[in-house]
Amino acid sequence: MALGIILLVVVLIIYYAWISFPIMTGFAAKQLCTCTFVSGRDQKDIESNELGFFPLKFVKNVVNLQDSSVTSTILGMAKKVAFYRKGIGCTLINSITEDQLKSQVFSISPPPAINTDSIAWPFGDKIIGNLPSAISKDKLNAAVDEAFTEPYPKKKQRTRAVVVLYDGGLVAEKYAPGYTIHSKMYGWSMAKSVTSALIATLVNQGRLNVGQLAPVPEWGKQSDPRHF
């Protein structure tokens, strides 16, 4: 009976490792790659804040500045690699090989040659106007500062940035140490909400029909899993 229980526990542990280890190392490699090469942050800071919780804290990460890659393993297993490519971001190697990834060619438009300091927010960085009289500057600043406190040591908030808008204008902003107005950060599920809103706007304007097939030639191939 005892031997059977021990055997069952061992099988469950192996099954858990088989399923979860690649997820853990894949997440760590992609997260560390993006935060390092896109956001320009320090590896120790990333591992402490983004990856410093159970079970990700057991993942070992190696950042290669020469080829802009991150390799993650756990107990020497479940190796995952993510590569950074300028203008594209970080890609986790999964269904293709490293050579196949590096051989991909993309046409990337150069960023517009404009001085954002001379363009009014939100299209640029220039702030126009003063704080409306209806808003207490002291109370507003106190509320923003409160967002950066850590009242729960065991469950940190880790606020990166706070931007306050009022009547279409920017009235307050604050950033954590190491972050600025130019810092690139993950959008997480907010990106889905923004994308959905943009699609709905285009549909409402009659510029997009969600029932039509996407104009992507590759998706028309029988061998492509997204074949329509």
C-alpha atoms as a PDB file:
ATOM      1  CA  MET A   1       0.000   0.000   0.000  1.00  0.00           C
ATOM      2  CA  ALA A   2       2.741   2.468   1.022  1.00  0.00           C
ATOM      3  CA  LEU A   3       4.792   1.563  -2.041  1.00  0.00           C
ATOM      4  CA  GLY A   4       1.808   2.222  -4.265  1.00  0.00           C
ATOM      5  CA  ILE A   5       1.252   5.657  -2.719  1.00  0.00           C
ATOM      6  CA  ILE A   6       4.923   6.536  -3.126  1.00  0.00           C
ATOM      7  CA  LEU A   7       4.837   5.394  -6.761  1.00  0.00           C
ATOM      8  CA  LEU A   8       1.716   7.480  -7.400  1.00  0.00           C
ATOM      9  CA  VAL A   9       3.344  10.565  -5.870  1.00  0.00           C
ATOM     10  CA  VAL A  10       6.452  10.074  -8.016  1.00  0.00           C
ATOM     11  CA  VAL A  11       4.321   9.733 -11.156  1.00  0.00           C
ATOM     12  CA  LEU A  12       2.385  12.913 -10.286  1.00  0.00           C
ATOM     13  CA  ILE A  13       5.606  14.826  -9.705  1.00  0.00           C
ATOM     14  CA  ILE A  14       7.030  13.679 -13.035  1.00  0.00           C
ATOM     15  CA  TYR A  15       3.778  14.571 -14.793  1.00  0.00           C
ATOM     16  CA  TYR A  16       3.737  18.023 -13.172  1.00  0.00           C
ATOM     17  CA  ALA A  17       7.335  18.650 -14.207  1.00  0.00           C
ATOM     18  CA  TRP A  18       6.695  17.427 -17.761  1.00  0.00           C
ATOM     19  CA  ILE A  19       3.774  19.824 -18.189  1.00  0.00           C
ATOM     20  CA  SER A  20       4.813  22.845 -16.122  1.00  0.00           C
ATOM     21  CA  PHE A  21       8.594  23.110 -16.530  1.00  0.00           C
ATOM     22  CA  PRO A  22       8.481  24.152 -20.244  1.00  0.00           C
ATOM     23  CA  ILE A  23       5.791  26.712 -19.400  1.00  0.00           C
ATOM     24  CA  MET A  24       7.904  28.153 -16.598  1.00  0.00           C
ATOM     25  CA  THR A  25      11.121  28.353 -18.614  1.00  0.00           C
ATOM     26  CA  GLY A  26       9.308  29.662 -21.701  1.00  0.00           C
ATOM     27  CA  PHE A  27       7.647  32.440 -19.713  1.00  0.00           C
ATOM     28  CA  ALA A  28      10.911  33.357 -17.993  1.00  0.00           C
ATOM     29  CA  ALA A  29      12.915  33.451 -21.242  1.00  0.00           C
ATOM     30  CA  LYS A  30      10.359  35.613 -23.065  1.00  0.00           C
ATOM     31  CA  GLN A  31       9.793  37.933 -20.092  1.00  0.00           C
ATOM     32  CA  LEU A  32      13.477  38.435 -19.374  1.00  0.00           C
ATOM     33  CA  CYS A  33      14.290  38.912 -23.061  1.00  0.00           C
ATOM     34  CA  THR A  34      11.673  41.632 -23.528  1.00  0.00           C
ATOM     35  CA  CYS A  35      12.457  43.454 -20.298  1.00  0.00           C
ATOM     36  CA  THR A  36      16.201  43.346 -21.068  1.00  0.00           C
ATOM     37  CA  PHE A  37      16.430  44.152 -24.763  1.00  0.00           C
ATOM     38  CA  VAL A  38      13.219  46.137 -25.306  1.00  0.00           C
ATOM     39  CA  SER A  39      12.823  47.925 -21.978  1.00  0.00           C
ATOM     40  CA  GLY A  40      16.546  48.162 -21.214  1.00  0.00           C
ATOM     41  CA  ARG A  41      16.262  46.952 -17.612  1.00  0.00           C
ATOM     42  CA  ASP A  42      18.764  45.167 -15.390  1.00  0.00           C
ATOM     43  CA  GLN A  43      18.611  41.366 -15.160  1.00  0.00           C
ATOM     44  CA  LYS A  44      18.693  41.286 -11.349  1.00  0.00           C
ATOM     45  CA  ASP A  45      15.835  43.770 -11.135  1.00  0.00           C
ATOM     46  CA  ILE A  46      13.745  41.746 -13.590  1.00  0.00           C
ATOM     47  CA  GLU A  47      14.403  38.458 -11.812  1.00  0.00           C
ATOM     48  CA  SER A  48      13.581  40.051  -8.471  1.00  0.00           C
ATOM     49  CA  ASN A  49      10.320  41.723  -9.519  1.00  0.00           C
ATOM     50  CA  GLU A  50       8.893  39.844 -12.521  1.00  0.00           C
ATOM     51  CA  LEU A  51      10.344  36.395 -11.843  1.00  0.00           C
ATOM     52  CA  GLY A  52      11.052  36.403  -8.128  1.00  0.00           C
ATOM     53  CA  PHE A  53       8.043  34.397  -6.992  1.00  0.00           C
ATOM     54  CA  PHE A  54       7.315  30.674  -6.670  1.00  0.00           C
ATOM     55  CA  PRO A  55       7.917  28.657  -8.788  1.00  0.00           C
ATOM     56  CA  LEU A  56       9.665  30.969 -11.306  1.00  0.00           C
ATOM     57  CA  LYS A  57      12.370  31.839  -8.805  1.00  0.00           C
ATOM     58  CA  PHE A  58      13.835  28.376  -9.383  1.00  0.00           C
ATOM     59  CA  VAL A  59      14.382  29.014 -13.100  1.00  0.00           C
ATOM     60  CA  LYS A  60      17.976  29.706 -14.124  1.00  0.00           C
ATOM     61  CA  ASN A  61      18.376  32.383 -16.796  1.00  0.00           C
ATOM     62  CA  VAL A  62      21.383  33.234 -18.949  1.00  0.00           C
ATOM     63  CA  VAL A  63      21.388  36.516 -20.891  1.00  0.00           C
ATOM     64  CA  ASN A  64      23.627  36.570 -23.963  1.00  0.00           C
ATOM     65  CA  LEU A  65      24.322  40.154 -24.987  1.00  0.00           C
ATOM     66  CA  GLN A  66      26.246  39.032 -28.069  1.00  0.00           C
ATOM     67  CA  ASP A  67      23.304  37.455 -29.912  1.00  0.00           C
ATOM     68  CA  SER A  68      20.536  39.183 -27.913  1.00  0.00           C
ATOM     69  CA  SER A  69      19.111  35.998 -26.464  1.00  0.00           C
ATOM     70  CA  VAL A  70      17.948  34.570 -23.158  1.00  0.00           C
ATOM     71  CA  THR A  71      18.196  30.887 -22.275  1.00  0.00           C
ATOM     72  CA  SER A  72      16.154  29.539 -19.365  1.00  0.00           C
ATOM     73  CA  THR A  73      16.249  26.140 -17.678  1.00  0.00           C
ATOM     74  CA  ILE A  74      15.001  24.599 -14.456  1.00  0.00           C
ATOM     75  CA  LEU A  75      17.085  21.900 -12.777  1.00  0.00           C
ATOM     76  CA  GLY A  76      18.975  21.689 -16.056  1.00  0.00           C
ATOM     77  CA  MET A  77      15.817  20.698 -17.951  1.00  0.00           C
ATOM     78  CA  ALA A  78      13.097  22.221 -20.143  1.00  0.00           C
ATOM     79  CA  LYS A  79      15.484  24.547 -21.979  1.00  0.00           C
ATOM     80  CA  LYS A  80      13.788  27.471 -23.692  1.00  0.00           C
ATOM     81  CA  VAL A  81      15.404  30.258 -25.721  1.00  0.00           C
ATOM     82  CA  ALA A  82      14.062  33.679 -26.688  1.00  0.00           C
ATOM     83  CA  PHE A  83      15.724  35.968 -29.244  1.00  0.00           C
ATOM     84  CA  TYR A  84      15.452  39.729 -29.656  1.00  0.00           C
ATOM     85  CA  ARG A  85      15.331  41.224 -33.151  1.00  0.00           C
ATOM     86  CA  LYS A  86      15.371  44.984 -33.638  1.00  0.00           C
ATOM     87  CA  GLY A  87      12.020  46.341 -34.731  1.00  0.00           C
ATOM     88  CA  ILE A  88      10.259  43.054 -33.978  1.00  0.00           C
ATOM     89  CA  GLY A  89      10.891  42.395 -30.308  1.00  0.00           C
ATOM     90  CA  CYS A  90      11.505  39.075 -28.597  1.00  0.00           C
ATOM     91  CA  THR A  91      10.401  35.721 -29.972  1.00  0.00           C
ATOM     92  CA  LEU A  92      10.327  32.464 -28.036  1.00  0.00           C
ATOM     93  CA  ILE A  93      11.610  29.550 -30.114  1.00  0.00           C
ATOM     94  CA  ASN A  94       8.948  26.875 -30.135  1.00  0.00           C
ATOM     95  CA  SER A  95       7.748  25.282 -33.357  1.00  0.00           C
ATOM     96  CA  ILE A  96      10.727  26.345 -35.508  1.00  0.00           C
ATOM     97  CA  THR A  97      14.504  26.123 -35.181  1.00  0.00           C
ATOM     98  CA  GLU A  98      16.890  28.894 -34.249  1.00  0.00           C
ATOM     99  CA  ASP A  99      18.254  29.045 -37.809  1.00  0.00           C
ATOM    100  CA  GLN A 100      14.748  29.293 -39.247  1.00  0.00           C
ATOM    101  CA  LEU A 101      13.929  32.142 -36.889  1.00  0.00           C
ATOM    102  CA  LYS A 102      17.080  34.054 -37.749  1.00  0.00           C
ATOM    103  CA  SER A 103      16.508  33.584 -41.488  1.00  0.00           C
ATOM    104  CA  GLN A 104      13.131  35.327 -41.393  1.00  0.00           C
ATOM    105  CA  VAL A 105      13.053  38.666 -43.205  1.00  0.00           C
ATOM    106  CA  PHE A 106      10.623  41.459 -42.367  1.00  0.00           C
ATOM    107  CA  SER A 107      10.014  44.834 -43.958  1.00  0.00           C
ATOM    108  CA  ILE A 108      10.082  47.283 -41.065  1.00  0.00           C
ATOM    109  CA  SER A 109       9.231  50.936 -41.600  1.00  0.00           C
ATOM    110  CA  PRO A 110      11.641  53.379 -39.937  1.00  0.00           C
ATOM    111  CA  PRO A 111      10.208  55.544 -37.154  1.00  0.00           C
ATOM    112  CA  PRO A 112       9.120  59.030 -38.260  1.00  0.00           C
ATOM    113  CA  ALA A 113      11.828  61.656 -37.925  1.00  0.00           C
ATOM    114  CA  ILE A 114       9.947  64.037 -35.645  1.00  0.00           C
ATOM    115  CA  ASN A 115      10.675  65.749 -32.378  1.00  0.00           C
ATOM    116  CA  THR A 116       7.979  64.520 -29.991  1.00  0.00           C
ATOM    117  CA  ASP A 117       8.872  67.286 -27.526  1.00  0.00           C
ATOM    118  CA  SER A 118       7.295  69.795 -29.924  1.00  0.00           C
ATOM    119  CA  ILE A 119       4.018  67.881 -30.348  1.00  0.00           C
ATOM    120  CA  ALA A 120       1.202  68.158 -27.836  1.00  0.00           C
ATOM    121  CA  TRP A 121       0.240  65.128 -25.782  1.00  0.00           C
ATOM    122  CA  PRO A 122      -1.059  62.461 -26.468  1.00  0.00           C
ATOM    123  CA  PHE A 123       0.665  62.346 -29.874  1.00  0.00           C
ATOM    124  CA  GLY A 124       3.819  63.876 -28.441  1.00  0.00           C
ATOM    125  CA  ASP A 125       5.430  64.702 -25.117  1.00  0.00           C
ATOM    126  CA  LYS A 126       4.581  68.395 -24.896  1.00  0.00           C
ATOM    127  CA  ILE A 127       2.220  69.217 -22.028  1.00  0.00           C
ATOM    128  CA  ILE A 128      -0.090  72.184 -22.638  1.00  0.00           C
ATOM    129  CA  GLY A 129      -2.173  73.909 -19.983  1.00  0.00           C
ATOM    130  CA  ASN A 130      -2.297  73.975 -16.200  1.00  0.00           C
ATOM    131  CA  LEU A 131      -4.104  71.887 -13.621  1.00  0.00           C
ATOM    132  CA  PRO A 132      -7.847  72.728 -13.612  1.00  0.00           C
ATOM    133  CA  SER A 133      -8.968  74.747 -10.585  1.00  0.00           C
ATOM    134  CA  ALA A 134     -11.514  72.045  -9.739  1.00  0.00           C
ATOM    135  CA  ILE A 135      -8.701  69.652  -8.837  1.00  0.00           C
ATOM    136  CA  SER A 136      -6.652  69.870  -5.633  1.00  0.00           C
ATOM    137  CA  LYS A 137      -3.018  69.492  -6.613  1.00  0.00           C
ATOM    138  CA  ASP A 138      -2.015  68.330  -3.120  1.00  0.00           C
ATOM    139  CA  LYS A 139      -4.708  65.638  -2.977  1.00  0.00           C
ATOM    140  CA  LEU A 140      -3.937  64.517  -6.506  1.00  0.00           C
ATOM    141  CA  ASN A 141      -0.223  64.173  -5.790  1.00  0.00           C
ATOM    142  CA  ALA A 142      -0.982  62.348  -2.535  1.00  0.00           C
ATOM    143  CA  ALA A 143      -3.176  59.855  -4.388  1.00  0.00           C
ATOM    144  CA  VAL A 144      -0.490  59.264  -6.992  1.00  0.00           C
ATOM    145  CA  ASP A 145       2.179  58.811  -4.313  1.00  0.00           C
ATOM    146  CA  GLU A 146      -0.056  56.308  -2.524  1.00  0.00           C
ATOM    147  CA  ALA A 147       0.007  54.068  -5.573  1.00  0.00           C
ATOM    148  CA  PHE A 148       3.767  53.625  -5.142  1.00  0.00           C
ATOM    149  CA  THR A 149       3.651  52.539  -1.496  1.00  0.00           C
ATOM    150  CA  GLU A 150       3.857  48.902  -0.436  1.00  0.00           C
ATOM    151  CA  PRO A 151       1.290  48.434   2.370  1.00  0.00           C
ATOM    152  CA  TYR A 152       1.324  44.650   1.974  1.00  0.00           C
ATOM    153  CA  PRO A 153       4.918  43.307   2.180  1.00  0.00           C
ATOM    154  CA  LYS A 154       3.834  39.769   1.285  1.00  0.00           C
ATOM    155  CA  LYS A 155       1.879  40.901  -1.762  1.00  0.00           C
ATOM    156  CA  LYS A 156       3.670  43.816  -3.366  1.00  0.00           C
ATOM    157  CA  GLN A 157       1.958  46.144  -5.829  1.00  0.00           C
ATOM    158  CA  ARG A 158       5.150  46.965  -7.749  1.00  0.00           C
ATOM    159  CA  THR A 159       3.645  50.036  -9.415  1.00  0.00           C
ATOM    160  CA  ARG A 160       5.716  51.051 -12.434  1.00  0.00           C
ATOM    161  CA  ALA A 161       3.939  54.209 -13.572  1.00  0.00           C
ATOM    162  CA  VAL A 162       0.813  56.245 -12.954  1.00  0.00           C
ATOM    163  CA  VAL A 163      -0.646  58.665 -15.506  1.00  0.00           C
ATOM    164  CA  VAL A 164      -3.745  60.679 -14.639  1.00  0.00           C
ATOM    165  CA  LEU A 165      -5.969  62.188 -17.338  1.00  0.00           C
ATOM    166  CA  TYR A 166      -8.673  64.796 -16.861  1.00  0.00           C
ATOM    167  CA  ASP A 167     -10.907  66.170 -19.592  1.00  0.00           C
ATOM    168  CA  GLY A 168      -8.541  64.908 -22.274  1.00  0.00           C
ATOM    169  CA  GLY A 169      -5.442  66.384 -20.644  1.00  0.00           C
ATOM    170  CA  LEU A 170      -2.557  64.960 -18.660  1.00  0.00           C
ATOM    171  CA  VAL A 171      -2.672  66.356 -15.120  1.00  0.00           C
ATOM    172  CA  ALA A 172      -0.312  64.083 -13.189  1.00  0.00           C
ATOM    173  CA  GLU A 173       2.310  61.406 -13.772  1.00  0.00           C
ATOM    174  CA  LYS A 174       4.918  59.556 -11.738  1.00  0.00           C
ATOM    175  CA  TYR A 175       7.353  56.743 -12.475  1.00  0.00           C
ATOM    176  CA  ALA A 176       9.152  54.194 -10.336  1.00  0.00           C
ATOM    177  CA  PRO A 177      12.974  54.296 -10.159  1.00  0.00           C
ATOM    178  CA  GLY A 178      14.426  53.077 -13.438  1.00  0.00           C
ATOM    179  CA  TYR A 179      11.321  54.004 -15.456  1.00  0.00           C
ATOM    180  CA  THR A 180      10.602  57.097 -17.531  1.00  0.00           C
ATOM    181  CA  ILE A 181       7.972  58.358 -19.961  1.00  0.00           C
ATOM    182  CA  HIS A 182       9.856  56.473 -22.677  1.00  0.00           C
ATOM    183  CA  SER A 183      10.002  53.110 -20.907  1.00  0.00           C
ATOM    184  CA  LYS A 184       8.334  50.283 -22.831  1.00  0.00           C
ATOM    185  CA  MET A 185       6.196  48.020 -20.657  1.00  0.00           C
ATOM    186  CA  TYR A 186       3.976  45.000 -21.127  1.00  0.00           C
ATOM    187  CA  GLY A 187       0.358  45.810 -21.911  1.00  0.00           C
ATOM    188  CA  TRP A 188      -0.855  42.358 -20.847  1.00  0.00           C
ATOM    189  CA  SER A 189      -4.664  42.073 -21.140  1.00  0.00           C
ATOM    190  CA  MET A 190      -5.007  45.830 -21.600  1.00  0.00           C
ATOM    191  CA  ALA A 191      -3.647  45.339 -25.110  1.00  0.00           C
ATOM    192  CA  LYS A 192      -6.593  43.058 -25.919  1.00  0.00           C
ATOM    193  CA  SER A 193      -9.045  45.666 -24.678  1.00  0.00           C
ATOM    194  CA  VAL A 194      -7.454  48.428 -26.763  1.00  0.00           C
ATOM    195  CA  THR A 195      -7.329  46.191 -29.846  1.00  0.00           C
ATOM    196  CA  SER A 196     -10.993  45.240 -29.413  1.00  0.00           C
ATOM    197  CA  ALA A 197     -11.959  48.896 -29.083  1.00  0.00           C
ATOM    198  CA  LEU A 198     -10.042  49.807 -32.254  1.00  0.00           C
ATOM    199  CA  ILE A 199     -11.643  46.961 -34.202  1.00  0.00           C
ATOM    200  CA  ALA A 200     -15.103  47.976 -32.989  1.00  0.00           C
ATOM    201  CA  THR A 201     -14.400  51.565 -34.077  1.00  0.00           C
ATOM    202  CA  LEU A 202     -13.399  50.443 -37.576  1.00  0.00           C
ATOM    203  CA  VAL A 203     -16.483  48.233 -37.840  1.00  0.00           C
ATOM    204  CA  ASN A 204     -18.716  51.110 -36.728  1.00  0.00           C
ATOM    205  CA  GLN A 205     -17.120  53.337 -39.358  1.00  0.00           C
ATOM    206  CA  GLY A 206     -17.748  50.720 -42.049  1.00  0.00           C
ATOM    207  CA  ARG A 207     -14.030  50.314 -42.725  1.00  0.00           C
ATOM    208  CA  LEU A 208     -13.783  46.697 -41.522  1.00  0.00           C
ATOM    209  CA  ASN A 209     -15.962  43.628 -41.988  1.00  0.00           C
ATOM    210  CA  VAL A 210     -15.084  40.964 -39.411  1.00  0.00           C
ATOM    211  CA  GLY A 211     -16.916  38.373 -41.525  1.00  0.00           C
ATOM    212  CA  GLN A 212     -14.487  38.710 -44.431  1.00  0.00           C
ATOM    213  CA  LEU A 213     -11.414  36.515 -44.795  1.00  0.00           C
ATOM    214  CA  ALA A 214      -8.164  38.113 -43.661  1.00  0.00           C
ATOM    215  CA  PRO A 215      -5.962  39.246 -46.584  1.00  0.00           C
ATOM    216  CA  VAL A 216      -3.039  37.043 -45.544  1.00  0.00           C
ATOM    217  CA  PRO A 217      -1.810  34.854 -48.456  1.00  0.00           C
ATOM    218  CA  GLU A 218      -0.030  32.381 -46.161  1.00  0.00           C
ATOM    219  CA  TRP A 219      -3.302  31.499 -44.451  1.00  0.00           C
ATOM    220  CA  GLY A 220      -4.702  30.227 -47.734  1.00  0.00           C
ATOM    221  CA  LYS A 221      -2.221  27.374 -47.933  1.00  0.00           C
ATOM    222  CA  GLN A 222      -3.564  23.922 -47.122  1.00  0.00           C
ATOM    223  CA  SER A 223      -0.446  23.221 -45.030  1.00  0.00           C
ATOM    224  CA  ASP A 224      -0.968  26.251 -42.789  1.00  0.00           C
ATOM    225  CA  PRO A 225      -2.855  25.431 -39.559  1.00  0.00           C
ATOM    226  CA  ARG A 226      -4.725  28.745 -39.926  1.00  0.00           C
ATOM    227  CA  HIS A 227      -6.061  27.681 -43.314  1.00  0.00           C
ATOM    228  CA  PHE A 228      -9.543  29.035 -44.047  1.00  0.00           C
END
